[in-house]
């Protein structure tokens, strides 16, 4: 009998999205094909310590994510435990890490670099793609240079704001109001504010700087929020697009609208788009995936102008959510790929990329390079 692939679910992390990661890990564990894969759970606490968690940790991961926590009594582990068999346990045929780590210290290339050093297969984008995808400013500049439309933005650094707040905020005045302020390196709408007038701009920037040293100020667009899932390595494919319908008092797809208010938002899959616009969204999603050097999976978020139909790429998520309300698995389900089949494909793509890296030469002399 063929041995199962061991799949390490890596979740939690040193991020403002710690609790959302726990919710995602719970759903990934529930959907994983146990006939093919043997799961192990590694939780990273807020201090960055790694712990071997039991499935019991995730069993109660429901409801308000702000109430979730890892088991403080779980034994500590190191990266060597990812590939080593436990005492009395037969070695796995292969090991793949599924980093379900949203936000900093997980989605930004840091964990990916660690796994590369350990020659461990892992799901999702590599070091470069993860780092670029996490930094909204860098991603937008690369997309703009590739001819992919993005909303107008300016950047405010913590140093510039501390030195002269008025001068740092002055370039944003040309956009008019309302504006959106967001940390450059964060997700799940953490630290994002909709600013209605000049009086609210500086407080919003201060709030965003609590999560990052660099903040984006973007021109507001009266737009529909469209999302599209991408899957693959060298030949990525796009899903049927979906649409986010926001009902929350914030007026945009905020953290509370996503995870706290049960009536804060709903979705429509497929999105109500013309065939031509659907094709354009899918084409731009794949182009974005390629331009940012992504791999495995990504969710590409778009704005579609309500008045002019203009299409903009808002941002990418290289480790999209897998919670009960997350769009990435839902869009693939609508495209004919169940969550179990999706997870299996992601694990296959991780092994494919790892094997491709192993085939590269690491020396210039004669003979084997590894």
Protein backbone atom coordinates (compact mmCIF):
# COMPACT_ATOMS: atom_id res chain seq x y z
CA UNK A 1 0.00 0.00 0.00
CA UNK A 2 1.32 3.43 -0.96
CA UNK A 3 2.24 5.53 2.03
CA UNK A 4 0.29 8.68 2.65
CA UNK A 5 1.83 12.09 2.14
CA UNK A 6 2.27 13.83 5.44
CA UNK A 7 0.72 17.31 5.32
CA UNK A 8 1.84 19.77 7.97
CA UNK A 9 -0.81 22.42 8.60
CA UNK A 10 1.08 25.48 9.83
CA UNK A 11 -1.24 28.07 11.36
CA UNK A 12 -1.61 30.88 13.90
CA UNK A 13 1.47 33.07 13.59
CA UNK A 14 2.78 36.48 14.62
CA UNK A 15 0.16 38.44 12.76
CA UNK A 16 -2.94 40.54 13.25
CA UNK A 17 -4.69 37.76 11.33
CA UNK A 18 -3.71 35.08 13.87
CA UNK A 19 -7.30 34.09 14.68
CA UNK A 20 -8.43 34.04 11.04
CA UNK A 21 -5.58 31.63 10.36
CA UNK A 22 -6.96 29.27 13.01
CA UNK A 23 -10.39 29.34 11.34
CA UNK A 24 -8.82 28.60 7.95
CA UNK A 25 -6.80 25.71 9.36
CA UNK A 26 -9.94 24.18 10.84
CA UNK A 27 -11.65 24.09 7.45
CA UNK A 28 -8.58 22.80 5.62
CA UNK A 29 -8.27 19.95 8.13
CA UNK A 30 -11.95 19.06 7.72
CA UNK A 31 -11.72 18.97 3.90
CA UNK A 32 -8.39 17.14 3.57
CA UNK A 33 -8.54 13.73 1.84
CA UNK A 34 -7.54 11.36 4.66
CA UNK A 35 -7.16 8.48 2.20
CA UNK A 36 -4.20 10.27 0.60
CA UNK A 37 -2.88 12.61 3.29
CA UNK A 38 -1.82 12.26 6.91
CA UNK A 39 -2.23 15.65 8.65
CA UNK A 40 -0.05 17.05 11.40
CA UNK A 41 -0.85 20.33 13.13
CA UNK A 42 1.76 22.92 14.04
CA UNK A 43 0.51 26.12 15.68
CA UNK A 44 2.69 29.22 15.89
CA UNK A 45 1.82 31.37 18.88
CA UNK A 46 1.94 35.16 18.98
CA UNK A 47 5.48 35.04 20.31
CA UNK A 48 6.68 33.03 17.31
CA UNK A 49 7.04 29.71 19.16
CA UNK A 50 6.03 26.55 17.30
CA UNK A 51 3.84 23.96 19.03
CA UNK A 52 2.59 20.51 18.10
CA UNK A 53 -1.18 20.91 18.32
CA UNK A 54 -3.89 18.28 18.50
CA UNK A 55 -6.98 18.26 16.31
CA UNK A 56 -8.86 19.19 19.47
CA UNK A 57 -7.33 22.69 19.16
CA UNK A 58 -9.22 23.29 15.93
CA UNK A 59 -12.42 21.46 16.84
CA UNK A 60 -13.86 24.48 18.61
CA UNK A 61 -12.57 27.10 16.17
CA UNK A 62 -15.91 28.70 15.39
CA UNK A 63 -17.69 31.98 16.01
CA UNK A 64 -16.00 35.31 16.68
CA UNK A 65 -12.35 34.88 15.67
CA UNK A 66 -11.21 37.35 18.33
CA UNK A 67 -11.99 34.70 20.96
CA UNK A 68 -9.74 32.02 19.43
CA UNK A 69 -6.39 30.91 20.82
CA UNK A 70 -3.90 28.09 20.54
CA UNK A 71 -3.40 25.52 23.28
CA UNK A 72 -0.78 27.09 25.62
CA UNK A 73 0.16 23.65 26.95
CA UNK A 74 1.00 22.15 23.54
CA UNK A 75 4.61 20.88 23.34
CA UNK A 76 7.15 23.07 21.57
CA UNK A 77 8.65 21.82 18.30
CA UNK A 78 11.29 22.93 15.80
CA UNK A 79 11.48 22.89 12.02
CA UNK A 80 13.26 19.53 12.09
CA UNK A 81 10.00 17.99 13.34
CA UNK A 82 8.36 18.83 10.01
CA UNK A 83 10.21 16.07 8.20
CA UNK A 84 11.16 13.69 11.02
CA UNK A 85 8.91 10.80 11.96
CA UNK A 86 7.68 10.64 15.53
CA UNK A 87 9.07 7.84 17.74
CA UNK A 88 7.61 4.52 16.59
CA UNK A 89 6.11 6.11 13.49
CA UNK A 90 6.95 4.96 9.95
CA UNK A 91 8.49 7.70 7.77
CA UNK A 92 6.09 9.36 5.36
CA UNK A 93 6.60 8.90 1.62
CA UNK A 94 6.66 12.67 1.26
CA UNK A 95 6.10 15.74 3.41
CA UNK A 96 4.34 18.93 2.35
CA UNK A 97 3.83 22.00 4.51
CA UNK A 98 0.59 23.91 4.05
CA UNK A 99 1.29 27.36 5.51
CA UNK A 100 -2.14 28.69 6.44
CA UNK A 101 -0.53 31.82 7.83
CA UNK A 102 -2.30 35.00 6.82
CA UNK A 103 -0.39 38.26 7.02
CA UNK A 104 3.09 39.03 8.31
CA UNK A 105 5.55 36.32 9.31
CA UNK A 106 3.79 33.73 7.18
CA UNK A 107 2.40 35.16 3.96
CA UNK A 108 5.30 37.54 3.35
CA UNK A 109 8.09 35.13 2.36
CA UNK A 110 9.61 34.64 5.81
CA UNK A 111 8.29 31.12 6.40
CA UNK A 112 8.74 30.29 2.72
CA UNK A 113 12.45 31.13 3.00
CA UNK A 114 12.77 28.87 6.04
CA UNK A 115 11.11 26.01 4.18
CA UNK A 116 13.33 26.57 1.14
CA UNK A 117 16.40 26.26 3.36
CA UNK A 118 15.03 23.00 4.68
CA UNK A 119 14.27 21.70 1.15
CA UNK A 120 10.68 21.12 2.22
CA UNK A 121 7.77 21.19 -0.24
CA UNK A 122 5.17 23.81 0.62
CA UNK A 123 1.89 25.07 -0.76
CA UNK A 124 1.72 28.49 -2.38
CA UNK A 125 4.03 31.15 -3.75
CA UNK A 126 7.78 31.20 -3.19
CA UNK A 127 9.87 33.74 -1.30
CA UNK A 128 9.79 36.46 -3.98
CA UNK A 129 6.12 36.12 -4.91
CA UNK A 130 5.05 35.97 -1.28
CA UNK A 131 7.03 39.06 -0.32
CA UNK A 132 5.85 41.05 -3.34
CA UNK A 133 2.23 39.97 -2.95
CA UNK A 134 2.23 40.97 0.71
CA UNK A 135 3.54 44.48 0.12
CA UNK A 136 0.66 46.35 -1.50
CA UNK A 137 2.83 49.25 -2.63
CA UNK A 138 5.48 47.09 -4.33
CA UNK A 139 2.78 44.90 -5.91
CA UNK A 140 0.93 47.93 -7.28
CA UNK A 141 4.11 49.41 -8.75
CA UNK A 142 4.96 46.13 -10.50
CA UNK A 143 1.43 45.76 -11.82
CA UNK A 144 1.39 49.35 -13.04
CA UNK A 145 4.70 48.80 -14.86
CA UNK A 146 3.25 45.65 -16.44
CA UNK A 147 0.33 47.68 -17.85
CA UNK A 148 -2.20 46.23 -15.41
CA UNK A 149 -4.60 48.93 -14.11
CA UNK A 150 -4.49 49.86 -10.42
CA UNK A 151 -6.20 52.63 -8.44
CA UNK A 152 -4.18 55.83 -7.89
CA UNK A 153 -2.27 55.79 -4.61
CA UNK A 154 0.41 57.54 -2.57
CA UNK A 155 2.62 56.14 0.17
CA UNK A 156 3.26 57.53 3.66
CA UNK A 157 6.09 56.09 5.74
CA UNK A 158 6.22 56.18 9.52
CA UNK A 159 9.41 58.28 9.39
CA UNK A 160 7.94 60.87 7.02
CA UNK A 161 4.72 61.13 9.03
CA UNK A 162 6.62 61.59 12.30
CA UNK A 163 8.86 64.25 10.76
CA UNK A 164 6.14 66.37 9.13
CA UNK A 165 2.58 64.98 9.12
CA UNK A 166 1.14 67.76 6.94
CA UNK A 167 3.81 67.39 4.26
CA UNK A 168 3.47 63.59 4.29
CA UNK A 169 -0.29 63.78 3.75
CA UNK A 170 -0.29 66.63 1.22
CA UNK A 171 0.03 64.49 -1.95
CA UNK A 172 -3.20 62.68 -1.08
CA UNK A 173 -5.19 65.93 -1.24
CA UNK A 174 -5.29 65.72 -5.05
CA UNK A 175 -7.51 62.62 -4.82
CA UNK A 176 -10.31 64.37 -2.95
CA UNK A 177 -12.56 62.53 -0.48
CA UNK A 178 -13.44 59.88 0.45
CA UNK A 179 -10.08 58.08 0.62
CA UNK A 180 -8.97 54.66 1.79
CA UNK A 181 -6.04 54.27 4.16
CA UNK A 182 -4.47 50.86 4.66
CA UNK A 183 -1.24 49.28 5.96
CA UNK A 184 0.98 48.25 3.08
CA UNK A 185 1.68 44.85 4.66
CA UNK A 186 -1.51 43.46 6.17
CA UNK A 187 -4.60 41.58 5.11
CA UNK A 188 -8.17 40.77 6.13
CA UNK A 189 -8.83 44.54 6.08
CA UNK A 190 -6.89 44.91 9.34
CA UNK A 191 -6.05 48.58 9.94
CA UNK A 192 -8.06 49.78 6.91
CA UNK A 193 -10.14 52.97 7.21
CA UNK A 194 -12.51 54.82 4.93
CA UNK A 195 -11.77 58.52 5.37
CA UNK A 196 -14.64 60.90 4.58
CA UNK A 197 -12.93 64.26 5.11
CA UNK A 198 -9.59 65.93 5.81
CA UNK A 199 -10.09 65.80 9.57
CA UNK A 200 -10.12 62.02 9.54
CA UNK A 201 -6.98 61.46 7.44
CA UNK A 202 -4.24 61.84 10.07
CA UNK A 203 -6.03 59.63 12.65
CA UNK A 204 -6.56 56.95 9.99
CA UNK A 205 -2.88 57.03 9.04
CA UNK A 206 -1.88 56.72 12.71
CA UNK A 207 -4.19 53.71 13.07
CA UNK A 208 -2.70 52.03 10.00
CA UNK A 209 0.87 52.73 11.15
CA UNK A 210 0.15 50.62 14.23
CA UNK A 211 0.29 47.60 11.89
CA UNK A 212 3.05 48.60 9.46
CA UNK A 213 5.79 51.15 8.87
CA UNK A 214 4.33 52.06 5.49
CA UNK A 215 0.78 53.10 4.64
CA UNK A 216 -1.12 53.47 1.37
CA UNK A 217 -3.61 56.25 0.76
CA UNK A 218 -5.83 55.40 -2.21
CA UNK A 219 -8.37 57.29 -4.23
CA UNK A 220 -11.82 55.89 -3.48
CA UNK A 221 -13.61 54.29 -6.40
CA UNK A 222 -17.37 53.82 -6.52
CA UNK A 223 -17.05 50.21 -7.51
CA UNK A 224 -18.25 46.66 -7.18
CA UNK A 225 -15.83 44.26 -5.47
CA UNK A 226 -15.04 41.30 -7.71
CA UNK A 227 -12.71 38.43 -6.84
CA UNK A 228 -11.15 35.69 -8.93
CA UNK A 229 -9.20 32.61 -7.81
CA UNK A 230 -6.06 31.43 -9.61
CA UNK A 231 -4.55 27.94 -9.38
CA UNK A 232 -1.38 26.50 -10.90
CA UNK A 233 2.35 26.89 -11.34
CA UNK A 234 3.65 27.47 -14.86
CA UNK A 235 0.20 27.21 -16.46
CA UNK A 236 -2.21 28.90 -14.04
CA UNK A 237 -5.95 28.90 -14.57
CA UNK A 238 -8.65 31.23 -13.27
CA UNK A 239 -11.93 30.35 -11.62
CA UNK A 240 -15.39 31.75 -12.17
CA UNK A 241 -15.33 35.24 -10.59
CA UNK A 242 -17.42 36.09 -7.53
CA UNK A 243 -18.74 39.34 -6.11
CA UNK A 244 -18.70 40.65 -2.54
CA UNK A 245 -21.89 42.44 -1.46
CA UNK A 246 -21.26 44.58 1.61
CA UNK A 247 -24.11 45.30 4.04
CA UNK A 248 -22.08 46.40 7.09
CA UNK A 249 -22.25 49.90 8.51
CA UNK A 250 -18.58 50.48 7.67
CA UNK A 251 -19.60 50.74 4.03
CA UNK A 252 -16.72 48.56 2.81
CA UNK A 253 -15.44 45.02 3.24
CA UNK A 254 -13.90 45.63 6.67
CA UNK A 255 -12.64 43.09 9.21
CA UNK A 256 -15.94 43.26 11.10
CA UNK A 257 -17.94 42.84 7.89
CA UNK A 258 -15.88 39.75 7.04
CA UNK A 259 -15.59 37.93 10.34
CA UNK A 260 -17.63 39.48 13.15
CA UNK A 261 -20.99 40.66 11.80
CA UNK A 262 -22.87 37.59 10.48
CA UNK A 263 -24.88 39.88 8.20
CA UNK A 264 -21.98 42.15 7.28
CA UNK A 265 -21.54 40.83 3.77
CA UNK A 266 -22.77 38.26 1.33
CA UNK A 267 -21.48 37.00 -1.97
CA UNK A 268 -22.69 36.17 -5.43
CA UNK A 269 -21.00 33.37 -7.37
CA UNK A 270 -20.81 33.66 -10.28
CA UNK A 271 -20.61 37.44 -10.29
CA UNK A 272 -23.22 39.17 -12.42
CA UNK A 273 -20.84 40.19 -15.21
CA UNK A 274 -21.11 40.10 -18.97
CA UNK A 275 -19.25 37.24 -20.69
CA UNK A 276 -16.74 39.76 -22.05
CA UNK A 277 -16.06 41.29 -18.63
CA UNK A 278 -15.85 37.84 -17.03
CA UNK A 279 -13.20 36.85 -19.55
CA UNK A 280 -11.31 40.09 -18.93
CA UNK A 281 -11.32 39.53 -15.16
CA UNK A 282 -10.01 35.99 -15.62
CA UNK A 283 -7.34 37.14 -18.08
CA UNK A 284 -6.16 39.95 -15.78
CA UNK A 285 -6.14 37.58 -12.79
CA UNK A 286 -3.76 35.24 -14.60
CA UNK A 287 -1.66 38.18 -15.87
CA UNK A 288 -1.40 39.48 -12.29
CA UNK A 289 -0.39 36.03 -11.05
CA UNK A 290 2.40 35.90 -13.63
CA UNK A 291 3.55 39.52 -13.18
CA UNK A 292 4.05 39.02 -9.43
CA UNK A 293 5.86 35.67 -9.81
CA UNK A 294 3.18 33.74 -7.91
CA UNK A 295 2.68 29.99 -7.72
CA UNK A 296 0.22 27.45 -6.39
CA UNK A 297 -2.66 29.71 -5.47
CA UNK A 298 -3.77 33.30 -5.20
CA UNK A 299 -6.96 35.30 -4.96
CA UNK A 300 -6.95 38.42 -7.09
CA UNK A 301 -9.31 41.19 -5.97
CA UNK A 302 -10.74 43.70 -8.43
CA UNK A 303 -12.76 46.89 -8.50
CA UNK A 304 -15.29 47.39 -11.30
CA UNK A 305 -16.46 51.01 -11.57
CA UNK A 306 -20.22 51.29 -11.19
CA UNK A 307 -20.48 54.21 -13.60
CA UNK A 308 -17.81 53.59 -16.21
CA UNK A 309 -17.16 49.85 -15.86
CA UNK A 310 -13.42 50.49 -15.46
CA UNK A 311 -11.55 47.45 -14.13
CA UNK A 312 -8.74 47.76 -11.57
CA UNK A 313 -6.68 45.17 -9.70
CA UNK A 314 -6.98 46.02 -6.00
CA UNK A 315 -4.64 43.46 -4.43
CA UNK A 316 -3.60 39.81 -4.33
CA UNK A 317 -3.72 37.30 -1.51
CA UNK A 318 -1.07 34.60 -1.86
CA UNK A 319 -2.50 32.61 1.07
CA UNK A 320 -6.21 33.30 0.68
CA UNK A 321 -8.61 32.46 3.44
CA UNK A 322 -10.09 28.98 3.81
CA UNK A 323 -12.68 29.90 6.43
CA UNK A 324 -16.33 28.95 6.08
CA UNK A 325 -17.02 32.27 4.33
CA UNK A 326 -13.82 32.52 2.26
CA UNK A 327 -14.20 33.19 -1.43
CA UNK A 328 -11.20 31.26 -2.77
CA UNK A 329 -12.56 27.74 -2.15
CA UNK A 330 -16.13 28.88 -2.92
CA UNK A 331 -15.15 30.16 -6.37
CA UNK A 332 -13.42 26.89 -7.18
CA UNK A 333 -16.44 24.93 -5.97
CA UNK A 334 -18.58 26.98 -8.37
CA UNK A 335 -16.03 26.17 -11.09
CA UNK A 336 -16.44 22.44 -10.49
CA UNK A 337 -13.57 21.74 -8.09
CA UNK A 338 -14.55 20.61 -4.60
CA UNK A 339 -12.58 21.85 -1.61
CA UNK A 340 -11.13 18.37 -1.09
CA UNK A 341 -10.02 18.18 -4.74
CA UNK A 342 -8.66 21.74 -4.53
CA UNK A 343 -6.51 20.93 -1.50
CA UNK A 344 -5.22 17.78 -3.20
CA UNK A 345 -4.25 19.77 -6.28
CA UNK A 346 -2.48 22.40 -4.18
CA UNK A 347 -0.42 19.69 -2.48
CA UNK A 348 0.46 18.18 -5.86
CA UNK A 349 1.58 21.59 -7.13
CA UNK A 350 3.78 22.02 -4.03
CA UNK A 351 5.56 18.73 -4.72
CA UNK A 352 5.91 19.65 -8.40
CA UNK A 353 7.65 22.92 -7.50
CA UNK A 354 9.90 21.26 -4.93
CA UNK A 355 10.96 18.60 -7.45
CA UNK A 356 11.63 21.33 -10.02
CA UNK A 357 13.93 23.11 -7.57
CA UNK A 358 15.75 19.90 -6.80
CA UNK A 359 16.46 19.36 -10.50
CA UNK A 360 18.42 22.62 -10.72
CA UNK A 361 22.21 22.56 -10.56
CA UNK A 362 23.84 24.12 -7.52
CA UNK A 363 27.44 23.86 -8.78
CA UNK A 364 29.37 24.66 -11.96
CA UNK A 365 31.92 21.86 -11.97
CA UNK A 366 31.61 18.39 -13.56
CA UNK A 367 29.54 15.70 -11.94
CA UNK A 368 26.47 15.91 -9.68
CA UNK A 369 25.75 19.38 -8.35
CA UNK A 370 23.77 18.30 -5.32
